[in-house]
Amino acid sequence: MKINKAIRQGHRWLSILFTVSVIANFAAMALGEPPMWLVYSPLLPLALLMFSGLYLFALPYLGKGRSAPQADI
């Protein structure tokens, strides 16, 4: 259960990092031609957000198989 909490917390921090990098990208574009490292900086957090988001999305569906067995009547 601790790994799920860690992934959820990491997903939140990644979303903040992604948002800040996109805002920095737009601010740099307003000032002129931004450096290439700044243009591509949102891609790594976005990829990590995709994987952690897919895991968090699938988590409820994967947990249904581990529920207590039903009594046969």
PDB file of N, CA and C in Angstrom:
ATOM      1  N   MET A   1       0.810  -1.191   0.000  1.00  0.00           N
ATOM      2  CA  MET A   1       0.000   0.000   0.000  1.00  0.00           C
ATOM      3  C   MET A   1       0.859   1.263   0.000  1.00  0.00           C
ATOM      4  N   LYS A   2       2.061   1.190   0.536  1.00  0.00           N
ATOM      5  CA  LYS A   2       2.932   2.355   0.588  1.00  0.00           C
ATOM      6  C   LYS A   2       3.397   2.773  -0.801  1.00  0.00           C
ATOM      7  N   ILE A   3       3.571   1.811  -1.707  1.00  0.00           N
ATOM      8  CA  ILE A   3       4.016   2.147  -3.057  1.00  0.00           C
ATOM      9  C   ILE A   3       2.950   2.951  -3.789  1.00  0.00           C
ATOM     10  N   ASN A   4       1.677   2.638  -3.547  1.00  0.00           N
ATOM     11  CA  ASN A   4       0.597   3.386  -4.182  1.00  0.00           C
ATOM     12  C   ASN A   4       0.599   4.839  -3.709  1.00  0.00           C
ATOM     13  N   LYS A   5       0.833   5.048  -2.427  1.00  0.00           N
ATOM     14  CA  LYS A   5       0.880   6.394  -1.886  1.00  0.00           C
ATOM     15  C   LYS A   5       2.073   7.160  -2.457  1.00  0.00           C
ATOM     16  N   ALA A   6       3.204   6.493  -2.594  1.00  0.00           N
ATOM     17  CA  ALA A   6       4.399   7.134  -3.147  1.00  0.00           C
ATOM     18  C   ALA A   6       4.193   7.511  -4.616  1.00  0.00           C
ATOM     19  N   ILE A   7       3.557   6.646  -5.385  1.00  0.00           N
ATOM     20  CA  ILE A   7       3.306   6.946  -6.791  1.00  0.00           C
ATOM     21  C   ILE A   7       2.318   8.098  -6.916  1.00  0.00           C
ATOM     22  N   ARG A   8       1.295   8.114  -6.067  1.00  0.00           N
ATOM     23  CA  ARG A   8       0.320   9.199  -6.090  1.00  0.00           C
ATOM     24  C   ARG A   8       0.983  10.546  -5.753  1.00  0.00           C
ATOM     25  N   GLN A   9       1.838  10.540  -4.724  1.00  0.00           N
ATOM     26  CA  GLN A   9       2.545  11.764  -4.336  1.00  0.00           C
ATOM     27  C   GLN A   9       3.523  12.192  -5.428  1.00  0.00           C
ATOM     28  N   GLY A  10       4.224  11.246  -6.022  1.00  0.00           N
ATOM     29  CA  GLY A  10       5.131  11.560  -7.125  1.00  0.00           C
ATOM     30  C   GLY A  10       4.392  12.130  -8.325  1.00  0.00           C
ATOM     31  N   HIS A  11       3.212  11.610  -8.590  1.00  0.00           N
ATOM     32  CA  HIS A  11       2.387  12.111  -9.692  1.00  0.00           C
ATOM     33  C   HIS A  11       2.001  13.569  -9.449  1.00  0.00           C
ATOM     34  N   ARG A  12       1.677  13.893  -8.211  1.00  0.00           N
ATOM     35  CA  ARG A  12       1.337  15.289  -7.882  1.00  0.00           C
ATOM     36  C   ARG A  12       2.526  16.219  -8.088  1.00  0.00           C
ATOM     37  N   TRP A  13       3.702  15.816  -7.624  1.00  0.00           N
ATOM     38  CA  TRP A  13       4.884  16.659  -7.779  1.00  0.00           C
ATOM     39  C   TRP A  13       5.298  16.770  -9.246  1.00  0.00           C
ATOM     40  N   LEU A  14       5.124  15.690  -9.993  1.00  0.00           N
ATOM     41  CA  LEU A  14       5.434  15.748 -11.425  1.00  0.00           C
ATOM     42  C   LEU A  14       4.503  16.717 -12.144  1.00  0.00           C
ATOM     43  N   SER A  15       3.247  16.770 -11.726  1.00  0.00           N
ATOM     44  CA  SER A  15       2.318  17.697 -12.370  1.00  0.00           C
ATOM     45  C   SER A  15       2.722  19.143 -12.092  1.00  0.00           C
ATOM     46  N   ILE A  16       3.214  19.428 -10.889  1.00  0.00           N
ATOM     47  CA  ILE A  16       3.692  20.773 -10.574  1.00  0.00           C
ATOM     48  C   ILE A  16       4.925  21.100 -11.418  1.00  0.00           C
ATOM     49  N   LEU A  17       5.855  20.159 -11.519  1.00  0.00           N
ATOM     50  CA  LEU A  17       7.055  20.366 -12.326  1.00  0.00           C
ATOM     51  C   LEU A  17       6.713  20.583 -13.796  1.00  0.00           C
ATOM     52  N   PHE A  18       5.772  19.822 -14.303  1.00  0.00           N
ATOM     53  CA  PHE A  18       5.343  19.972 -15.696  1.00  0.00           C
ATOM     54  C   PHE A  18       4.722  21.346 -15.922  1.00  0.00           C
ATOM     55  N   THR A  19       3.866  21.777 -15.008  1.00  0.00           N
ATOM     56  CA  THR A  19       3.210  23.075 -15.142  1.00  0.00           C
ATOM     57  C   THR A  19       4.219  24.218 -15.129  1.00  0.00           C
ATOM     58  N   VAL A  20       5.187  24.137 -14.224  1.00  0.00           N
ATOM     59  CA  VAL A  20       6.210  25.178 -14.148  1.00  0.00           C
ATOM     60  C   VAL A  20       7.057  25.207 -15.419  1.00  0.00           C
ATOM     61  N   SER A  21       7.392  24.055 -15.957  1.00  0.00           N
ATOM     62  CA  SER A  21       8.211  24.024 -17.172  1.00  0.00           C
ATOM     63  C   SER A  21       7.439  24.555 -18.381  1.00  0.00           C
ATOM     64  N   VAL A  22       6.141  24.320 -18.439  1.00  0.00           N
ATOM     65  CA  VAL A  22       5.341  24.863 -19.550  1.00  0.00           C
ATOM     66  C   VAL A  22       5.221  26.380 -19.422  1.00  0.00           C
ATOM     67  N   ILE A  23       5.001  26.871 -18.203  1.00  0.00           N
ATOM     68  CA  ILE A  23       4.922  28.320 -17.996  1.00  0.00           C
ATOM     69  C   ILE A  23       6.254  28.983 -18.352  1.00  0.00           C
ATOM     70  N   ALA A  24       7.365  28.370 -17.952  1.00  0.00           N
ATOM     71  CA  ALA A  24       8.680  28.913 -18.300  1.00  0.00           C
ATOM     72  C   ALA A  24       8.892  28.906 -19.808  1.00  0.00           C
ATOM     73  N   ASN A  25       8.390  27.886 -20.459  1.00  0.00           N
ATOM     74  CA  ASN A  25       8.519  27.785 -21.912  1.00  0.00           C
ATOM     75  C   ASN A  25       7.767  28.923 -22.594  1.00  0.00           C
ATOM     76  N   PHE A  26       6.536  29.187 -22.177  1.00  0.00           N
ATOM     77  CA  PHE A  26       5.762  30.277 -22.771  1.00  0.00           C
ATOM     78  C   PHE A  26       6.378  31.637 -22.467  1.00  0.00           C
ATOM     79  N   ALA A  27       6.899  31.807 -21.262  1.00  0.00           N
ATOM     80  CA  ALA A  27       7.539  33.075 -20.912  1.00  0.00           C
ATOM     81  C   ALA A  27       8.781  33.303 -21.769  1.00  0.00           C
ATOM     82  N   ALA A  28       9.550  32.252 -21.995  1.00  0.00           N
ATOM     83  CA  ALA A  28      10.747  32.386 -22.826  1.00  0.00           C
ATOM     84  C   ALA A  28      10.388  32.653 -24.281  1.00  0.00           C
ATOM     85  N   MET A  29       9.300  32.075 -24.758  1.00  0.00           N
ATOM     86  CA  MET A  29       8.870  32.332 -26.137  1.00  0.00           C
ATOM     87  C   MET A  29       8.401  33.774 -26.314  1.00  0.00           C
ATOM     88  N   ALA A  30       7.852  34.358 -25.248  1.00  0.00           N
ATOM     89  CA  ALA A  30       7.404  35.750 -25.335  1.00  0.00           C
ATOM     90  C   ALA A  30       8.599  36.704 -25.428  1.00  0.00           C
ATOM     91  N   LEU A  31       9.731  36.298 -24.890  1.00  0.00           N
ATOM     92  CA  LEU A  31      10.919  37.153 -24.902  1.00  0.00           C
ATOM     93  C   LEU A  31      11.769  36.973 -26.154  1.00  0.00           C
ATOM     94  N   GLY A  32      11.503  35.947 -26.923  1.00  0.00           N
ATOM     95  CA  GLY A  32      12.295  35.701 -28.130  1.00  0.00           C
ATOM     96  C   GLY A  32      12.445  34.209 -28.358  1.00  0.00           C
ATOM     97  N   GLU A  33      13.495  33.862 -29.039  1.00  0.00           N
ATOM     98  CA  GLU A  33      13.764  32.450 -29.347  1.00  0.00           C
ATOM     99  C   GLU A  33      14.322  31.751 -28.111  1.00  0.00           C
ATOM    100  N   PRO A  34      13.582  30.767 -27.549  1.00  0.00           N
ATOM    101  CA  PRO A  34      14.083  30.082 -26.351  1.00  0.00           C
ATOM    102  C   PRO A  34      15.130  29.035 -26.715  1.00  0.00           C
ATOM    103  N   PRO A  35      15.996  28.703 -25.772  1.00  0.00           N
ATOM    104  CA  PRO A  35      16.966  27.634 -26.035  1.00  0.00           C
ATOM    105  C   PRO A  35      16.266  26.282 -26.171  1.00  0.00           C
ATOM    106  N   MET A  36      16.880  25.401 -26.894  1.00  0.00           N
ATOM    107  CA  MET A  36      16.234  24.113 -27.189  1.00  0.00           C
ATOM    108  C   MET A  36      16.015  23.278 -25.932  1.00  0.00           C
ATOM    109  N   TRP A  37      16.916  23.357 -24.956  1.00  0.00           N
ATOM    110  CA  TRP A  37      16.730  22.564 -23.743  1.00  0.00           C
ATOM    111  C   TRP A  37      15.479  23.007 -22.998  1.00  0.00           C
ATOM    112  N   LEU A  38      15.121  24.285 -23.107  1.00  0.00           N
ATOM    113  CA  LEU A  38      13.914  24.775 -22.448  1.00  0.00           C
ATOM    114  C   LEU A  38      12.662  24.345 -23.209  1.00  0.00           C
ATOM    115  N   VAL A  39      12.769  24.293 -24.521  1.00  0.00           N
ATOM    116  CA  VAL A  39      11.630  23.877 -25.339  1.00  0.00           C
ATOM    117  C   VAL A  39      11.265  22.420 -25.047  1.00  0.00           C
ATOM    118  N   TYR A  40      12.272  21.579 -24.888  1.00  0.00           N
ATOM    119  CA  TYR A  40      12.013  20.152 -24.676  1.00  0.00           C
ATOM    120  C   TYR A  40      11.934  19.758 -23.206  1.00  0.00           C
ATOM    121  N   SER A  41      12.093  20.698 -22.300  1.00  0.00           N
ATOM    122  CA  SER A  41      12.074  20.366 -20.875  1.00  0.00           C
ATOM    123  C   SER A  41      10.736  19.802 -20.364  1.00  0.00           C
ATOM    124  N   PRO A  42       9.572  20.160 -20.923  1.00  0.00           N
ATOM    125  CA  PRO A  42       8.335  19.562 -20.406  1.00  0.00           C
ATOM    126  C   PRO A  42       8.124  18.101 -20.806  1.00  0.00           C
ATOM    127  N   LEU A  43       8.921  17.586 -21.719  1.00  0.00           N
ATOM    128  CA  LEU A  43       8.652  16.243 -22.233  1.00  0.00           C
ATOM    129  C   LEU A  43       8.937  15.129 -21.218  1.00  0.00           C
ATOM    130  N   LEU A  44       9.997  15.250 -20.445  1.00  0.00           N
ATOM    131  CA  LEU A  44      10.302  14.210 -19.457  1.00  0.00           C
ATOM    132  C   LEU A  44       9.241  14.132 -18.360  1.00  0.00           C
ATOM    133  N   PRO A  45       8.845  15.259 -17.750  1.00  0.00           N
ATOM    134  CA  PRO A  45       7.765  15.145 -16.764  1.00  0.00           C
ATOM    135  C   PRO A  45       6.455  14.650 -17.374  1.00  0.00           C
ATOM    136  N   LEU A  46       6.206  15.029 -18.624  1.00  0.00           N
ATOM    137  CA  LEU A  46       4.981  14.576 -19.281  1.00  0.00           C
ATOM    138  C   LEU A  46       4.979  13.070 -19.481  1.00  0.00           C
ATOM    139  N   ALA A  47       6.113  12.506 -19.881  1.00  0.00           N
ATOM    140  CA  ALA A  47       6.202  11.058 -20.064  1.00  0.00           C
ATOM    141  C   ALA A  47       6.040  10.330 -18.727  1.00  0.00           C
ATOM    142  N   LEU A  48       6.674  10.851 -17.680  1.00  0.00           N
ATOM    143  CA  LEU A  48       6.533  10.231 -16.361  1.00  0.00           C
ATOM    144  C   LEU A  48       5.103  10.366 -15.840  1.00  0.00           C
ATOM    145  N   LEU A  49       4.457  11.490 -16.134  1.00  0.00           N
ATOM    146  CA  LEU A  49       3.055  11.661 -15.757  1.00  0.00           C
ATOM    147  C   LEU A  49       2.165  10.658 -16.473  1.00  0.00           C
ATOM    148  N   MET A  50       2.485  10.366 -17.723  1.00  0.00           N
ATOM    149  CA  MET A  50       1.686   9.405 -18.465  1.00  0.00           C
ATOM    150  C   MET A  50       1.753   8.019 -17.823  1.00  0.00           C
ATOM    151  N   PHE A  51       2.965   7.577 -17.481  1.00  0.00           N
ATOM    152  CA  PHE A  51       3.107   6.240 -16.903  1.00  0.00           C
ATOM    153  C   PHE A  51       2.488   6.147 -15.509  1.00  0.00           C
ATOM    154  N   SER A  52       2.723   7.169 -14.684  1.00  0.00           N
ATOM    155  CA  SER A  52       2.139   7.122 -13.343  1.00  0.00           C
ATOM    156  C   SER A  52       0.625   7.292 -13.401  1.00  0.00           C
ATOM    157  N   GLY A  53       0.141   8.102 -14.326  1.00  0.00           N
ATOM    158  CA  GLY A  53      -1.302   8.270 -14.479  1.00  0.00           C
ATOM    159  C   GLY A  53      -1.982   7.010 -14.968  1.00  0.00           C
ATOM    160  N   LEU A  54      -1.351   6.304 -15.895  1.00  0.00           N
ATOM    161  CA  LEU A  54      -1.919   5.032 -16.357  1.00  0.00           C
ATOM    162  C   LEU A  54      -1.952   4.002 -15.236  1.00  0.00           C
ATOM    163  N   TYR A  55      -0.919   3.988 -14.409  1.00  0.00           N
ATOM    164  CA  TYR A  55      -0.896   3.077 -13.264  1.00  0.00           C
ATOM    165  C   TYR A  55      -2.019   3.417 -12.288  1.00  0.00           C
ATOM    166  N   LEU A  56      -2.166   4.709 -11.976  1.00  0.00           N
ATOM    167  CA  LEU A  56      -3.207   5.122 -11.043  1.00  0.00           C
ATOM    168  C   LEU A  56      -4.597   4.885 -11.624  1.00  0.00           C
ATOM    169  N   PHE A  57      -4.737   5.014 -12.940  1.00  0.00           N
ATOM    170  CA  PHE A  57      -6.019   4.743 -13.580  1.00  0.00           C
ATOM    171  C   PHE A  57      -6.383   3.263 -13.492  1.00  0.00           C
ATOM    172  N   ALA A  58      -5.399   2.385 -13.679  1.00  0.00           N
ATOM    173  CA  ALA A  58      -5.655   0.947 -13.691  1.00  0.00           C
ATOM    174  C   ALA A  58      -5.741   0.351 -12.297  1.00  0.00           C
ATOM    175  N   LEU A  59      -5.302   1.082 -11.286  1.00  0.00           N
ATOM    176  CA  LEU A  59      -5.245   0.555  -9.931  1.00  0.00           C
ATOM    177  C   LEU A  59      -6.580   0.027  -9.405  1.00  0.00           C
ATOM    178  N   PRO A  60      -7.686   0.735  -9.554  1.00  0.00           N
ATOM    179  CA  PRO A  60      -8.952   0.182  -9.053  1.00  0.00           C
ATOM    180  C   PRO A  60      -9.389  -1.084  -9.780  1.00  0.00           C
ATOM    181  N   TYR A  61      -9.077  -1.182 -11.066  1.00  0.00           N
ATOM    182  CA  TYR A  61      -9.468  -2.357 -11.832  1.00  0.00           C
ATOM    183  C   TYR A  61      -8.600  -3.562 -11.493  1.00  0.00           C
ATOM    184  N   LEU A  62      -7.342  -3.318 -11.165  1.00  0.00           N
ATOM    185  CA  LEU A  62      -6.450  -4.412 -10.800  1.00  0.00           C
ATOM    186  C   LEU A  62      -6.748  -4.922  -9.404  1.00  0.00           C
ATOM    187  N   GLY A  63      -7.280  -4.095  -8.537  1.00  0.00           N
ATOM    188  CA  GLY A  63      -7.567  -4.483  -7.163  1.00  0.00           C
ATOM    189  C   GLY A  63      -8.837  -5.288  -6.993  1.00  0.00           C
ATOM    190  N   LYS A  64      -9.716  -5.322  -8.007  1.00  0.00           N
ATOM    191  CA  LYS A  64     -10.976  -6.049  -7.888  1.00  0.00           C
ATOM    192  C   LYS A  64     -10.774  -7.554  -7.788  1.00  0.00           C
ATOM    193  N   GLY A  65      -9.726  -8.072  -8.365  1.00  0.00           N
ATOM    194  CA  GLY A  65      -9.481  -9.501  -8.319  1.00  0.00           C
ATOM    195  C   GLY A  65      -8.997  -9.985  -6.962  1.00  0.00           C
ATOM    196  N   ARG A  66      -8.571  -9.085  -6.091  1.00  0.00           N
ATOM    197  CA  ARG A  66      -8.044  -9.463  -4.792  1.00  0.00           C
ATOM    198  C   ARG A  66      -9.069  -9.323  -3.673  1.00  0.00           C
ATOM    199  N   SER A  67     -10.323  -9.095  -4.005  1.00  0.00           N
ATOM    200  CA  SER A  67     -11.340  -8.929  -2.972  1.00  0.00           C
ATOM    201  C   SER A  67     -11.668 -10.285  -2.338  1.00  0.00           C
ATOM    202  N   ALA A  68     -12.345 -10.243  -1.216  1.00  0.00           N
ATOM    203  CA  ALA A  68     -12.693 -11.458  -0.486  1.00  0.00           C
ATOM    204  C   ALA A  68     -13.645 -12.313  -1.325  1.00  0.00           C
ATOM    205  N   PRO A  69     -13.468 -13.632  -1.302  1.00  0.00           N
ATOM    206  CA  PRO A  69     -14.340 -14.496  -2.094  1.00  0.00           C
ATOM    207  C   PRO A  69     -15.770 -14.501  -1.527  1.00  0.00           C
ATOM    208  N   GLN A  70     -16.725 -14.630  -2.415  1.00  0.00           N
ATOM    209  CA  GLN A  70     -18.138 -14.654  -2.033  1.00  0.00           C
ATOM    210  C   GLN A  70     -18.515 -16.083  -1.619  1.00  0.00           C
ATOM    211  N   ALA A  71     -19.435 -16.195  -0.666  1.00  0.00           N
ATOM    212  CA  ALA A  71     -19.899 -17.508  -0.192  1.00  0.00           C
ATOM    213  C   ALA A  71     -20.846 -18.106  -1.223  1.00  0.00           C
ATOM    214  N   ASP A  72     -20.682 -19.391  -1.515  1.00  0.00           N
ATOM    215  CA  ASP A  72     -21.568 -20.082  -2.454  1.00  0.00           C
ATOM    216  C   ASP A  72     -22.869 -20.469  -1.752  1.00  0.00           C
ATOM    217  N   ILE A  73     -23.962 -20.259  -2.435  1.00  0.00           N
ATOM    218  CA  ILE A  73     -25.273 -20.633  -1.870  1.00  0.00           C
ATOM    219  C   ILE A  73     -25.809 -21.844  -2.563  1.00  0.00           C
TER     220      ILE A  73
END
